[in-house]
PDB file of N, CA and C in Angstrom:
ATOM      1  N   MET A   1      16.765   1.208  41.084  1.00  0.00           N
ATOM      2  CA  MET A   1      17.901   0.541  41.934  1.00  0.00           C
ATOM      3  C   MET A   1      18.722   1.645  42.539  1.00  0.00           C
ATOM      4  N   ALA A   2      18.943   1.609  43.863  1.00  0.00           N
ATOM      5  CA  ALA A   2      19.868   2.647  44.429  1.00  0.00           C
ATOM      6  C   ALA A   2      21.060   2.448  44.188  1.00  0.00           C
ATOM      7  N   ALA A   3      21.890   3.551  44.078  1.00  0.00           N
ATOM      8  CA  ALA A   3      23.215   3.484  43.839  1.00  0.00           C
ATOM      9  C   ALA A   3      24.316   2.609  44.597  1.00  0.00           C
ATOM     10  N   ASP A   4      23.943   2.094  45.589  1.00  0.00           N
ATOM     11  CA  ASP A   4      24.863   1.041  46.341  1.00  0.00           C
ATOM     12  C   ASP A   4      24.154  -0.116  46.177  1.00  0.00           C
ATOM     13  N   GLY A   5      23.259  -0.527  45.238  1.00  0.00           N
ATOM     14  CA  GLY A   5      22.505  -1.772  44.977  1.00  0.00           C
ATOM     15  C   GLY A   5      20.942  -1.934  45.298  1.00  0.00           C
ATOM     16  N   GLY A   6      20.514  -2.956  45.469  1.00  0.00           N
ATOM     17  CA  GLY A   6      19.191  -3.173  45.717  1.00  0.00           C
ATOM     18  C   GLY A   6      19.119  -4.797  46.298  1.00  0.00           C
ATOM     19  N   ARG A   7      17.599  -5.150  46.112  1.00  0.00           N
ATOM     20  CA  ARG A   7      17.511  -6.721  46.531  1.00  0.00           C
ATOM     21  C   ARG A   7      16.063  -6.976  45.618  1.00  0.00           C
ATOM     22  N   VAL A   8      16.313  -8.286  45.797  1.00  0.00           N
ATOM     23  CA  VAL A   8      14.871  -8.807  45.009  1.00  0.00           C
ATOM     24  C   VAL A   8      14.177  -9.816  46.350  1.00  0.00           C
ATOM     25  N   ILE A   9      12.990  -9.643  46.389  1.00  0.00           N
ATOM     26  CA  ILE A   9      12.306 -10.429  47.441  1.00  0.00           C
ATOM     27  C   ILE A   9      11.394 -11.484  46.375  1.00  0.00           C
ATOM     28  N   LEU A  10      11.709 -12.675  46.643  1.00  0.00           N
ATOM     29  CA  LEU A  10      10.655 -13.584  45.864  1.00  0.00           C
ATOM     30  C   LEU A  10       9.534 -13.951  46.537  1.00  0.00           C
ATOM     31  N   ALA A  11       8.631 -14.632  45.974  1.00  0.00           N
ATOM     32  CA  ALA A  11       7.270 -14.959  46.522  1.00  0.00           C
ATOM     33  C   ALA A  11       7.293 -15.809  47.677  1.00  0.00           C
ATOM     34  N   ASP A  12       8.267 -16.418  47.945  1.00  0.00           N
ATOM     35  CA  ASP A  12       8.384 -17.492  48.971  1.00  0.00           C
ATOM     36  C   ASP A  12       9.171 -16.707  50.337  1.00  0.00           C
ATOM     37  N   GLY A  13       9.533 -15.255  50.112  1.00  0.00           N
ATOM     38  CA  GLY A  13      10.219 -14.799  50.864  1.00  0.00           C
ATOM     39  C   GLY A  13      11.762 -14.610  50.856  1.00  0.00           C
ATOM     40  N   THR A  14      12.254 -15.388  50.080  1.00  0.00           N
ATOM     41  CA  THR A  14      13.838 -15.191  49.732  1.00  0.00           C
ATOM     42  C   THR A  14      14.160 -13.970  49.327  1.00  0.00           C
ATOM     43  N   VAL A  15      15.168 -13.428  49.840  1.00  0.00           N
ATOM     44  CA  VAL A  15      15.759 -12.099  49.816  1.00  0.00           C
ATOM     45  C   VAL A  15      16.915 -12.147  48.812  1.00  0.00           C
ATOM     46  N   LEU A  16      17.390 -11.761  47.854  1.00  0.00           N
ATOM     47  CA  LEU A  16      18.742 -11.892  47.040  1.00  0.00           C
ATOM     48  C   LEU A  16      19.089 -10.618  46.964  1.00  0.00           C
ATOM     49  N   SER A  17      20.605 -10.270  47.389  1.00  0.00           N
ATOM     50  CA  SER A  17      20.957  -8.957  47.534  1.00  0.00           C
ATOM     51  C   SER A  17      21.768  -8.664  46.070  1.00  0.00           C
ATOM     52  N   LEU A  18      21.509  -7.479  45.583  1.00  0.00           N
ATOM     53  CA  LEU A  18      22.041  -6.917  44.093  1.00  0.00           C
ATOM     54  C   LEU A  18      23.019  -5.810  44.224  1.00  0.00           C
ATOM     55  N   SER A  19      24.041  -5.953  43.520  1.00  0.00           N
ATOM     56  CA  SER A  19      25.124  -4.987  43.692  1.00  0.00           C
ATOM     57  C   SER A  19      24.807  -3.969  42.407  1.00  0.00           C
ATOM     58  N   ALA A  20      24.669  -2.687  42.527  1.00  0.00           N
ATOM     59  CA  ALA A  20      24.328  -1.557  41.484  1.00  0.00           C
ATOM     60  C   ALA A  20      25.593  -2.012  40.206  1.00  0.00           C
ATOM     61  N   GLY A  21      25.009  -2.021  39.400  1.00  0.00           N
ATOM     62  CA  GLY A  21      26.044  -2.269  37.883  1.00  0.00           C
ATOM     63  C   GLY A  21      26.619  -3.559  37.618  1.00  0.00           C
ATOM     64  N   GLN A  22      26.312  -4.549  38.682  1.00  0.00           N
ATOM     65  CA  GLN A  22      26.893  -5.782  38.323  1.00  0.00           C
ATOM     66  C   GLN A  22      25.894  -6.608  37.735  1.00  0.00           C
ATOM     67  N   PRO A  23      25.973  -7.273  36.625  1.00  0.00           N
ATOM     68  CA  PRO A  23      25.376  -8.215  35.884  1.00  0.00           C
ATOM     69  C   PRO A  23      25.240  -9.526  36.889  1.00  0.00           C
ATOM     70  N   GLY A  24      24.051 -10.167  36.671  1.00  0.00           N
ATOM     71  CA  GLY A  24      23.678 -11.276  37.102  1.00  0.00           C
ATOM     72  C   GLY A  24      22.467 -12.038  36.689  1.00  0.00           C
ATOM     73  N   THR A  25      22.446 -13.361  37.133  1.00  0.00           N
ATOM     74  CA  THR A  25      21.298 -14.166  36.416  1.00  0.00           C
ATOM     75  C   THR A  25      20.692 -14.960  37.690  1.00  0.00           C
ATOM     76  N   LEU A  26      19.374 -14.758  37.728  1.00  0.00           N
ATOM     77  CA  LEU A  26      18.701 -15.245  38.571  1.00  0.00           C
ATOM     78  C   LEU A  26      18.213 -16.862  38.263  1.00  0.00           C
ATOM     79  N   VAL A  27      18.862 -17.940  39.147  1.00  0.00           N
ATOM     80  CA  VAL A  27      18.738 -19.151  38.773  1.00  0.00           C
ATOM     81  C   VAL A  27      17.654 -20.007  39.580  1.00  0.00           C
ATOM     82  N   SER A  28      16.739 -20.501  39.507  1.00  0.00           N
ATOM     83  CA  SER A  28      15.745 -20.972  40.399  1.00  0.00           C
ATOM     84  C   SER A  28      15.412 -22.416  39.855  1.00  0.00           C
ATOM     85  N   THR A  29      15.835 -23.398  40.951  1.00  0.00           N
ATOM     86  CA  THR A  29      15.632 -24.861  40.336  1.00  0.00           C
ATOM     87  C   THR A  29      14.933 -25.361  41.944  1.00  0.00           C
ATOM     88  N   GLY A  30      13.697 -25.743  41.403  1.00  0.00           N
ATOM     89  CA  GLY A  30      12.664 -26.123  42.397  1.00  0.00           C
ATOM     90  C   GLY A  30      12.665 -25.258  43.771  1.00  0.00           C
ATOM     91  N   ASP A  31      13.117 -25.655  44.922  1.00  0.00           N
ATOM     92  CA  ASP A  31      12.757 -24.256  46.117  1.00  0.00           C
ATOM     93  C   ASP A  31      14.242 -23.771  46.329  1.00  0.00           C
ATOM     94  N   VAL A  32      15.168 -23.936  45.384  1.00  0.00           N
ATOM     95  CA  VAL A  32      16.431 -23.099  45.629  1.00  0.00           C
ATOM     96  C   VAL A  32      16.719 -22.254  44.576  1.00  0.00           C
ATOM     97  N   HIS A  33      16.882 -20.804  45.034  1.00  0.00           N
ATOM     98  CA  HIS A  33      16.988 -19.648  44.407  1.00  0.00           C
ATOM     99  C   HIS A  33      18.433 -19.287  44.648  1.00  0.00           C
ATOM    100  N   GLU A  34      18.997 -18.784  43.501  1.00  0.00           N
ATOM    101  CA  GLU A  34      20.442 -18.473  43.622  1.00  0.00           C
ATOM    102  C   GLU A  34      20.629 -17.171  42.557  1.00  0.00           C
ATOM    103  N   LEU A  35      21.173 -16.382  42.907  1.00  0.00           N
ATOM    104  CA  LEU A  35      21.600 -15.140  41.932  1.00  0.00           C
ATOM    105  C   LEU A  35      23.124 -15.197  41.713  1.00  0.00           C
ATOM    106  N   VAL A  36      23.153 -15.741  40.430  1.00  0.00           N
ATOM    107  CA  VAL A  36      24.703 -15.784  39.722  1.00  0.00           C
ATOM    108  C   VAL A  36      25.356 -14.631  39.479  1.00  0.00           C
ATOM    109  N   VAL A  37      26.391 -13.993  39.971  1.00  0.00           N
ATOM    110  CA  VAL A  37      26.932 -12.845  39.771  1.00  0.00           C
ATOM    111  C   VAL A  37      28.121 -12.921  38.737  1.00  0.00           C
ATOM    112  N   ALA A  38      28.150 -12.204  37.560  1.00  0.00           N
ATOM    113  CA  ALA A  38      29.109 -12.213  36.836  1.00  0.00           C
ATOM    114  C   ALA A  38      30.522 -11.754  37.302  1.00  0.00           C
ATOM    115  N   GLN A  39      31.791 -12.254  37.236  1.00  0.00           N
ATOM    116  CA  GLN A  39      32.893 -11.723  37.646  1.00  0.00           C
ATOM    117  C   GLN A  39      33.188 -10.458  36.613  1.00  0.00           C
ATOM    118  N   GLN A  40      33.929  -9.395  37.260  1.00  0.00           N
ATOM    119  CA  GLN A  40      34.199  -8.270  36.233  1.00  0.00           C
ATOM    120  C   GLN A  40      35.884  -8.837  35.988  1.00  0.00           C
ATOM    121  N   LEU A  41      35.879  -8.474  34.553  1.00  0.00           N
ATOM    122  CA  LEU A  41      37.398  -8.814  34.130  1.00  0.00           C
ATOM    123  C   LEU A  41      38.008  -7.545  34.713  1.00  0.00           C
ATOM    124  N   THR A  42      39.540  -7.811  35.166  1.00  0.00           N
ATOM    125  CA  THR A  42      40.481  -6.905  35.582  1.00  0.00           C
ATOM    126  C   THR A  42      41.468  -6.809  34.488  1.00  0.00           C
ATOM    127  N   ASP A  43      41.794  -7.852  33.564  1.00  0.00           N
ATOM    128  CA  ASP A  43      42.735  -7.362  32.903  1.00  0.00           C
ATOM    129  C   ASP A  43      42.185  -7.168  31.125  1.00  0.00           C
ATOM    130  N   VAL A  44      41.320  -6.339  31.039  1.00  0.00           N
ATOM    131  CA  VAL A  44      40.707  -5.971  29.860  1.00  0.00           C
ATOM    132  C   VAL A  44      41.760  -4.968  29.004  1.00  0.00           C
ATOM    133  N   ASP A  45      41.863  -5.476  27.639  1.00  0.00           N
ATOM    134  CA  ASP A  45      42.741  -4.505  26.945  1.00  0.00           C
ATOM    135  C   ASP A  45      42.262  -3.177  26.762  1.00  0.00           C
ATOM    136  N   PRO A  46      43.263  -2.326  27.061  1.00  0.00           N
ATOM    137  CA  PRO A  46      42.675  -0.737  27.159  1.00  0.00           C
ATOM    138  C   PRO A  46      41.922  -0.338  25.832  1.00  0.00           C
ATOM    139  N   ASP A  47      42.151  -0.921  24.662  1.00  0.00           N
ATOM    140  CA  ASP A  47      41.663  -0.517  23.496  1.00  0.00           C
ATOM    141  C   ASP A  47      40.216  -1.001  23.588  1.00  0.00           C
ATOM    142  N   ILE A  48      40.068  -2.173  23.907  1.00  0.00           N
ATOM    143  CA  ILE A  48      38.742  -2.892  23.834  1.00  0.00           C
ATOM    144  C   ILE A  48      38.003  -2.235  25.028  1.00  0.00           C
ATOM    145  N   ALA A  49      38.552  -2.011  26.042  1.00  0.00           N
ATOM    146  CA  ALA A  49      37.691  -1.137  27.193  1.00  0.00           C
ATOM    147  C   ALA A  49      36.996   0.263  26.694  1.00  0.00           C
ATOM    148  N   ALA A  50      38.041   0.893  26.012  1.00  0.00           N
ATOM    149  CA  ALA A  50      37.765   2.248  25.452  1.00  0.00           C
ATOM    150  C   ALA A  50      36.475   2.274  24.289  1.00  0.00           C
ATOM    151  N   LEU A  51      36.547   0.938  23.499  1.00  0.00           N
ATOM    152  CA  LEU A  51      35.698   0.852  22.312  1.00  0.00           C
ATOM    153  C   LEU A  51      34.345   0.637  23.050  1.00  0.00           C
ATOM    154  N   GLN A  52      34.430  -0.251  24.232  1.00  0.00           N
ATOM    155  CA  GLN A  52      33.062  -0.718  24.693  1.00  0.00           C
ATOM    156  C   GLN A  52      32.488   0.301  25.516  1.00  0.00           C
ATOM    157  N   ALA A  53      33.308   1.292  26.113  1.00  0.00           N
ATOM    158  CA  ALA A  53      32.751   2.632  26.891  1.00  0.00           C
ATOM    159  C   ALA A  53      32.343   3.523  25.585  1.00  0.00           C
ATOM    160  N   ALA A  54      32.738   3.630  24.469  1.00  0.00           N
ATOM    161  CA  ALA A  54      32.332   4.674  23.425  1.00  0.00           C
ATOM    162  C   ALA A  54      30.897   3.846  22.794  1.00  0.00           C
ATOM    163  N   ILE A  55      30.835   2.481  22.844  1.00  0.00           N
ATOM    164  CA  ILE A  55      29.569   1.936  22.260  1.00  0.00           C
ATOM    165  C   ILE A  55      28.420   2.116  23.317  1.00  0.00           C
ATOM    166  N   ALA A  56      28.863   2.078  24.621  1.00  0.00           N
ATOM    167  CA  ALA A  56      27.683   2.373  25.754  1.00  0.00           C
ATOM    168  C   ALA A  56      27.266   3.601  25.964  1.00  0.00           C
ATOM    169  N   ALA A  57      28.141   4.890  25.363  1.00  0.00           N
ATOM    170  CA  ALA A  57      27.730   6.107  25.280  1.00  0.00           C
ATOM    171  C   ALA A  57      27.181   6.469  24.149  1.00  0.00           C
ATOM    172  N   GLY A  58      26.701   5.310  23.121  1.00  0.00           N
ATOM    173  CA  GLY A  58      25.966   5.823  21.818  1.00  0.00           C
ATOM    174  C   GLY A  58      26.996   6.018  20.736  1.00  0.00           C
ATOM    175  N   GLN A  59      27.944   5.857  20.801  1.00  0.00           N
ATOM    176  CA  GLN A  59      28.887   6.569  19.585  1.00  0.00           C
ATOM    177  C   GLN A  59      28.889   5.445  18.655  1.00  0.00           C
ATOM    178  N   ASP A  60      29.159   5.599  17.588  1.00  0.00           N
ATOM    179  CA  ASP A  60      29.279   4.687  16.330  1.00  0.00           C
ATOM    180  C   ASP A  60      30.831   4.114  16.124  1.00  0.00           C
ATOM    181  N   PRO A  61      30.763   2.807  16.737  1.00  0.00           N
ATOM    182  CA  PRO A  61      32.464   2.180  16.660  1.00  0.00           C
ATOM    183  C   PRO A  61      33.020   2.412  15.462  1.00  0.00           C
ATOM    184  N   THR A  62      32.421   2.258  14.254  1.00  0.00           N
ATOM    185  CA  THR A  62      33.064   2.247  12.881  1.00  0.00           C
ATOM    186  C   THR A  62      33.564   3.688  12.703  1.00  0.00           C
ATOM    187  N   GLU A  63      33.160   4.541  13.551  1.00  0.00           N
ATOM    188  CA  GLU A  63      33.861   5.925  12.970  1.00  0.00           C
ATOM    189  C   GLU A  63      34.912   6.099  14.241  1.00  0.00           C
ATOM    190  N   LEU A  64      35.277   5.454  15.283  1.00  0.00           N
ATOM    191  CA  LEU A  64      35.940   5.727  16.213  1.00  0.00           C
ATOM    192  C   LEU A  64      37.278   4.774  15.964  1.00  0.00           C
ATOM    193  N   GLN A  65      37.220   3.588  15.293  1.00  0.00           N
ATOM    194  CA  GLN A  65      38.374   2.738  15.094  1.00  0.00           C
ATOM    195  C   GLN A  65      39.145   2.565  13.756  1.00  0.00           C
ATOM    196  N   GLN A  66      40.110   2.332  13.538  1.00  0.00           N
ATOM    197  CA  GLN A  66      40.644   2.073  12.240  1.00  0.00           C
ATOM    198  C   GLN A  66      40.039   0.842  11.847  1.00  0.00           C
ATOM    199  N   ALA A  67      39.917   0.551  10.461  1.00  0.00           N
ATOM    200  CA  ALA A  67      39.442  -0.487   9.802  1.00  0.00           C
ATOM    201  C   ALA A  67      40.473  -1.697  10.106  1.00  0.00           C
ATOM    202  N   PRO A  68      40.213  -3.003  10.032  1.00  0.00           N
ATOM    203  CA  PRO A  68      40.846  -3.958  10.281  1.00  0.00           C
ATOM    204  C   PRO A  68      42.045  -4.242   8.936  1.00  0.00           C
ATOM    205  N   ALA A  69      43.171  -4.642   9.369  1.00  0.00           N
ATOM    206  CA  ALA A  69      43.858  -5.020   8.119  1.00  0.00           C
ATOM    207  C   ALA A  69      43.106  -6.039   7.156  1.00  0.00           C
ATOM    208  N   ALA A  70      43.383  -6.211   5.931  1.00  0.00           N
ATOM    209  CA  ALA A  70      43.182  -7.548   5.096  1.00  0.00           C
ATOM    210  C   ALA A  70      44.116  -8.282   4.465  1.00  0.00           C
ATOM    211  N   GLY A  71      43.975  -9.626   4.435  1.00  0.00           N
ATOM    212  CA  GLY A  71      45.061 -10.247   4.039  1.00  0.00           C
ATOM    213  C   GLY A  71      46.223 -10.374   5.003  1.00  0.00           C
ATOM    214  N   ILE A  72      47.007 -11.432   4.397  1.00  0.00           N
ATOM    215  CA  ILE A  72      48.150 -11.638   5.277  1.00  0.00           C
ATOM    216  C   ILE A  72      49.424 -10.773   5.040  1.00  0.00           C
ATOM    217  N   ALA A  73      49.977 -10.406   6.179  1.00  0.00           N
ATOM    218  CA  ALA A  73      51.019  -9.525   6.335  1.00  0.00           C
ATOM    219  C   ALA A  73      52.308 -10.069   5.795  1.00  0.00           C
ATOM    220  N   GLN A  74      53.018  -9.296   5.136  1.00  0.00           N
ATOM    221  CA  GLN A  74      54.315  -9.857   4.489  1.00  0.00           C
ATOM    222  C   GLN A  74      55.486  -9.034   5.171  1.00  0.00           C
TER     223      GLN A  74
END
């Protein structure tokens, strides 16, 4: 796929445009074809975003984050 996106051409000639890096799902019901594109979250917790980026880069998340607290805080 090109950096600016691409397209899917179905057997019936229907053309669906794609955005690069944007996840989507092709929904086909009878003769109706639709590309459902997931909306990107804009208010992601920075710690979660950093962890997701590290995982995507192949890093081990257990080596990056502190262990979760166990038990009830007093």
